[in-house]
């Protein structure tokens, strides 16, 4: 019974995130290929190398953020969110960068609860980004 209730809660959270994605007109794109391509001088090979490196490294960066949150280290969590924000912005992962920026700002004000509440959204955003990037770059 408890498992069923937890699954329902998770589903509700995911549906809220989907609803937010659909209704927020000011939201950043998941992946801005044009921005990434421009930064990398339209070099297709370099775009693929950078995208592959980013996609393999970002799960590690997110795990590090989760560990810092679990440890209650708000200052380092803010710094880690800043790293995620910058790396994401550099590859055109604008939605992920925007979310990481919000988490960074929360950390700078000492709001670990807000960072913690956004970890799942950050992970889900990365999954969406990875799929979009792979599809776009294939």
C-alpha atoms as a PDB file:
ATOM      1  CA  UNK A   1       0.000   0.000   0.000  1.00  0.00           C
ATOM      2  CA  UNK A   2       2.808   2.426   0.876  1.00  0.00           C
ATOM      3  CA  UNK A   3       4.566   1.704  -2.432  1.00  0.00           C
ATOM      4  CA  UNK A   4       1.383   2.407  -4.379  1.00  0.00           C
ATOM      5  CA  UNK A   5       0.908   5.717  -2.561  1.00  0.00           C
ATOM      6  CA  UNK A   6       4.544   6.708  -3.222  1.00  0.00           C
ATOM      7  CA  UNK A   7       4.153   5.871  -6.914  1.00  0.00           C
ATOM      8  CA  UNK A   8       1.036   8.033  -7.064  1.00  0.00           C
ATOM      9  CA  UNK A   9       2.916  10.910  -5.442  1.00  0.00           C
ATOM     10  CA  UNK A  10       5.796  10.545  -7.915  1.00  0.00           C
ATOM     11  CA  UNK A  11       3.357  10.480 -10.817  1.00  0.00           C
ATOM     12  CA  UNK A  12       1.669  13.639  -9.516  1.00  0.00           C
ATOM     13  CA  UNK A  13       5.039  15.399  -9.313  1.00  0.00           C
ATOM     14  CA  UNK A  14       5.932  14.308 -12.848  1.00  0.00           C
ATOM     15  CA  UNK A  15       2.564  15.458 -14.187  1.00  0.00           C
ATOM     16  CA  UNK A  16       3.044  18.843 -12.502  1.00  0.00           C
ATOM     17  CA  UNK A  17       6.465  19.137 -14.144  1.00  0.00           C
ATOM     18  CA  UNK A  18       4.982  18.248 -17.535  1.00  0.00           C
ATOM     19  CA  UNK A  19       2.178  20.763 -17.026  1.00  0.00           C
ATOM     20  CA  UNK A  20       4.719  23.431 -16.106  1.00  0.00           C
ATOM     21  CA  UNK A  21       6.708  22.614 -19.250  1.00  0.00           C
ATOM     22  CA  UNK A  22       3.671  22.904 -21.481  1.00  0.00           C
ATOM     23  CA  UNK A  23       2.261  26.092 -19.982  1.00  0.00           C
ATOM     24  CA  UNK A  24       5.362  28.198 -19.313  1.00  0.00           C
ATOM     25  CA  UNK A  25       5.756  30.390 -22.395  1.00  0.00           C
ATOM     26  CA  UNK A  26       8.941  32.048 -21.095  1.00  0.00           C
ATOM     27  CA  UNK A  27      10.715  28.738 -20.592  1.00  0.00           C
ATOM     28  CA  UNK A  28      14.082  28.160 -22.185  1.00  0.00           C
ATOM     29  CA  UNK A  29      14.458  25.543 -24.942  1.00  0.00           C
ATOM     30  CA  UNK A  30      15.654  22.121 -23.858  1.00  0.00           C
ATOM     31  CA  UNK A  31      18.459  22.236 -26.425  1.00  0.00           C
ATOM     32  CA  UNK A  32      19.480  25.245 -28.504  1.00  0.00           C
ATOM     33  CA  UNK A  33      21.489  23.646 -31.285  1.00  0.00           C
ATOM     34  CA  UNK A  34      22.002  26.969 -33.061  1.00  0.00           C
ATOM     35  CA  UNK A  35      23.638  28.485 -29.974  1.00  0.00           C
ATOM     36  CA  UNK A  36      25.942  25.485 -29.529  1.00  0.00           C
ATOM     37  CA  UNK A  37      26.832  25.411 -33.212  1.00  0.00           C
ATOM     38  CA  UNK A  38      27.614  29.125 -33.216  1.00  0.00           C
ATOM     39  CA  UNK A  39      29.862  28.785 -30.129  1.00  0.00           C
ATOM     40  CA  UNK A  40      31.745  25.974 -31.850  1.00  0.00           C
ATOM     41  CA  UNK A  41      32.038  27.745 -35.219  1.00  0.00           C
ATOM     42  CA  UNK A  42      29.687  25.273 -36.912  1.00  0.00           C
ATOM     43  CA  UNK A  43      32.321  22.523 -36.614  1.00  0.00           C
ATOM     44  CA  UNK A  44      30.170  19.366 -36.743  1.00  0.00           C
ATOM     45  CA  UNK A  45      32.919  17.076 -35.492  1.00  0.00           C
ATOM     46  CA  UNK A  46      33.716  19.359 -32.552  1.00  0.00           C
ATOM     47  CA  UNK A  47      30.001  19.669 -31.747  1.00  0.00           C
ATOM     48  CA  UNK A  48      29.758  15.869 -31.476  1.00  0.00           C
ATOM     49  CA  UNK A  49      32.912  15.591 -29.349  1.00  0.00           C
ATOM     50  CA  UNK A  50      31.742  18.291 -26.926  1.00  0.00           C
ATOM     51  CA  UNK A  51      28.189  16.894 -26.765  1.00  0.00           C
ATOM     52  CA  UNK A  52      29.484  13.382 -26.032  1.00  0.00           C
ATOM     53  CA  UNK A  53      31.788  14.673 -23.296  1.00  0.00           C
ATOM     54  CA  UNK A  54      28.984  16.731 -21.763  1.00  0.00           C
ATOM     55  CA  UNK A  55      26.470  13.871 -21.852  1.00  0.00           C
ATOM     56  CA  UNK A  56      28.907  11.479 -20.200  1.00  0.00           C
ATOM     57  CA  UNK A  57      30.089  13.956 -17.545  1.00  0.00           C
ATOM     58  CA  UNK A  58      26.816  15.600 -16.510  1.00  0.00           C
ATOM     59  CA  UNK A  59      25.394  12.562 -14.649  1.00  0.00           C
ATOM     60  CA  UNK A  60      28.557  12.628 -12.518  1.00  0.00           C
ATOM     61  CA  UNK A  61      28.090  16.339 -11.842  1.00  0.00           C
ATOM     62  CA  UNK A  62      24.450  15.818 -10.863  1.00  0.00           C
ATOM     63  CA  UNK A  63      25.421  12.969  -8.522  1.00  0.00           C
ATOM     64  CA  UNK A  64      27.996  15.225  -6.885  1.00  0.00           C
ATOM     65  CA  UNK A  65      25.291  17.836  -6.343  1.00  0.00           C
ATOM     66  CA  UNK A  66      23.019  15.205  -4.797  1.00  0.00           C
ATOM     67  CA  UNK A  67      25.805  14.133  -2.434  1.00  0.00           C
ATOM     68  CA  UNK A  68      26.424  17.733  -1.363  1.00  0.00           C
ATOM     69  CA  UNK A  69      22.705  18.181  -0.695  1.00  0.00           C
ATOM     70  CA  UNK A  70      22.599  14.970   1.339  1.00  0.00           C
ATOM     71  CA  UNK A  71      25.630  16.188   3.300  1.00  0.00           C
ATOM     72  CA  UNK A  72      23.934  19.533   3.944  1.00  0.00           C
ATOM     73  CA  UNK A  73      26.778  21.534   2.374  1.00  0.00           C
ATOM     74  CA  UNK A  74      24.813  24.455   0.954  1.00  0.00           C
ATOM     75  CA  UNK A  75      27.867  26.491  -0.061  1.00  0.00           C
ATOM     76  CA  UNK A  76      29.405  23.668  -2.096  1.00  0.00           C
ATOM     77  CA  UNK A  77      25.975  22.740  -3.485  1.00  0.00           C
ATOM     78  CA  UNK A  78      25.657  26.293  -4.822  1.00  0.00           C
ATOM     79  CA  UNK A  79      29.142  26.023  -6.360  1.00  0.00           C
ATOM     80  CA  UNK A  80      28.249  22.673  -7.954  1.00  0.00           C
ATOM     81  CA  UNK A  81      24.996  24.083  -9.340  1.00  0.00           C
ATOM     82  CA  UNK A  82      27.087  26.919 -10.799  1.00  0.00           C
ATOM     83  CA  UNK A  83      29.319  24.374 -12.594  1.00  0.00           C
ATOM     84  CA  UNK A  84      26.258  22.594 -13.972  1.00  0.00           C
ATOM     85  CA  UNK A  85      24.792  25.914 -15.094  1.00  0.00           C
ATOM     86  CA  UNK A  86      27.930  26.954 -16.953  1.00  0.00           C
ATOM     87  CA  UNK A  87      28.571  23.627 -18.651  1.00  0.00           C
ATOM     88  CA  UNK A  88      24.935  23.396 -19.693  1.00  0.00           C
ATOM     89  CA  UNK A  89      24.864  26.910 -21.078  1.00  0.00           C
ATOM     90  CA  UNK A  90      28.001  26.230 -23.118  1.00  0.00           C
ATOM     91  CA  UNK A  91      26.354  23.319 -24.958  1.00  0.00           C
ATOM     92  CA  UNK A  92      22.997  25.009 -25.505  1.00  0.00           C
ATOM     93  CA  UNK A  93      21.208  23.112 -22.711  1.00  0.00           C
ATOM     94  CA  UNK A  94      19.291  26.235 -21.799  1.00  0.00           C
ATOM     95  CA  UNK A  95      16.489  24.690 -19.760  1.00  0.00           C
ATOM     96  CA  UNK A  96      18.952  22.731 -17.611  1.00  0.00           C
ATOM     97  CA  UNK A  97      21.171  25.795 -17.260  1.00  0.00           C
ATOM     98  CA  UNK A  98      18.201  27.897 -16.138  1.00  0.00           C
ATOM     99  CA  UNK A  99      17.190  25.341 -13.507  1.00  0.00           C
ATOM    100  CA  UNK A 100      20.777  25.033 -12.254  1.00  0.00           C
ATOM    101  CA  UNK A 101      20.943  28.835 -12.020  1.00  0.00           C
ATOM    102  CA  UNK A 102      17.849  28.864  -9.800  1.00  0.00           C
ATOM    103  CA  UNK A 103      19.435  26.177  -7.626  1.00  0.00           C
ATOM    104  CA  UNK A 104      22.679  28.144  -7.461  1.00  0.00           C
ATOM    105  CA  UNK A 105      20.812  31.258  -6.340  1.00  0.00           C
ATOM    106  CA  UNK A 106      18.959  29.242  -3.697  1.00  0.00           C
ATOM    107  CA  UNK A 107      22.275  27.960  -2.403  1.00  0.00           C
ATOM    108  CA  UNK A 108      23.701  31.453  -2.204  1.00  0.00           C
ATOM    109  CA  UNK A 109      20.809  32.424   0.064  1.00  0.00           C
ATOM    110  CA  UNK A 110      21.233  29.270   2.145  1.00  0.00           C
ATOM    111  CA  UNK A 111      18.001  27.658   0.897  1.00  0.00           C
ATOM    112  CA  UNK A 112      19.021  23.994   0.816  1.00  0.00           C
ATOM    113  CA  UNK A 113      15.353  22.951   0.803  1.00  0.00           C
ATOM    114  CA  UNK A 114      14.784  24.600  -2.574  1.00  0.00           C
ATOM    115  CA  UNK A 115      17.892  22.962  -4.017  1.00  0.00           C
ATOM    116  CA  UNK A 116      16.764  19.604  -2.689  1.00  0.00           C
ATOM    117  CA  UNK A 117      13.264  20.020  -4.108  1.00  0.00           C
ATOM    118  CA  UNK A 118      14.699  20.649  -7.573  1.00  0.00           C
ATOM    119  CA  UNK A 119      17.065  17.659  -7.776  1.00  0.00           C
ATOM    120  CA  UNK A 120      14.425  15.401  -9.363  1.00  0.00           C
ATOM    121  CA  UNK A 121      13.503  18.116 -11.868  1.00  0.00           C
ATOM    122  CA  UNK A 122      17.198  18.551 -12.715  1.00  0.00           C
ATOM    123  CA  UNK A 123      17.584  14.821 -13.319  1.00  0.00           C
ATOM    124  CA  UNK A 124      14.438  14.689 -15.442  1.00  0.00           C
ATOM    125  CA  UNK A 125      15.540  17.733 -17.398  1.00  0.00           C
ATOM    126  CA  UNK A 126      18.864  16.018 -18.136  1.00  0.00           C
ATOM    127  CA  UNK A 127      17.094  12.873 -19.386  1.00  0.00           C
ATOM    128  CA  UNK A 128      14.958  15.024 -21.679  1.00  0.00           C
ATOM    129  CA  UNK A 129      18.019  16.959 -22.841  1.00  0.00           C
ATOM    130  CA  UNK A 130      20.037  13.813 -23.551  1.00  0.00           C
ATOM    131  CA  UNK A 131      17.265  12.410 -25.714  1.00  0.00           C
ATOM    132  CA  UNK A 132      16.830  15.710 -27.561  1.00  0.00           C
ATOM    133  CA  UNK A 133      20.562  16.183 -28.115  1.00  0.00           C
ATOM    134  CA  UNK A 134      21.060  12.635 -29.362  1.00  0.00           C
ATOM    135  CA  UNK A 135      18.109  12.967 -31.713  1.00  0.00           C
ATOM    136  CA  UNK A 136      19.247  16.357 -33.007  1.00  0.00           C
ATOM    137  CA  UNK A 137      22.867  15.359 -33.481  1.00  0.00           C
ATOM    138  CA  UNK A 138      22.238  11.977 -35.114  1.00  0.00           C
END
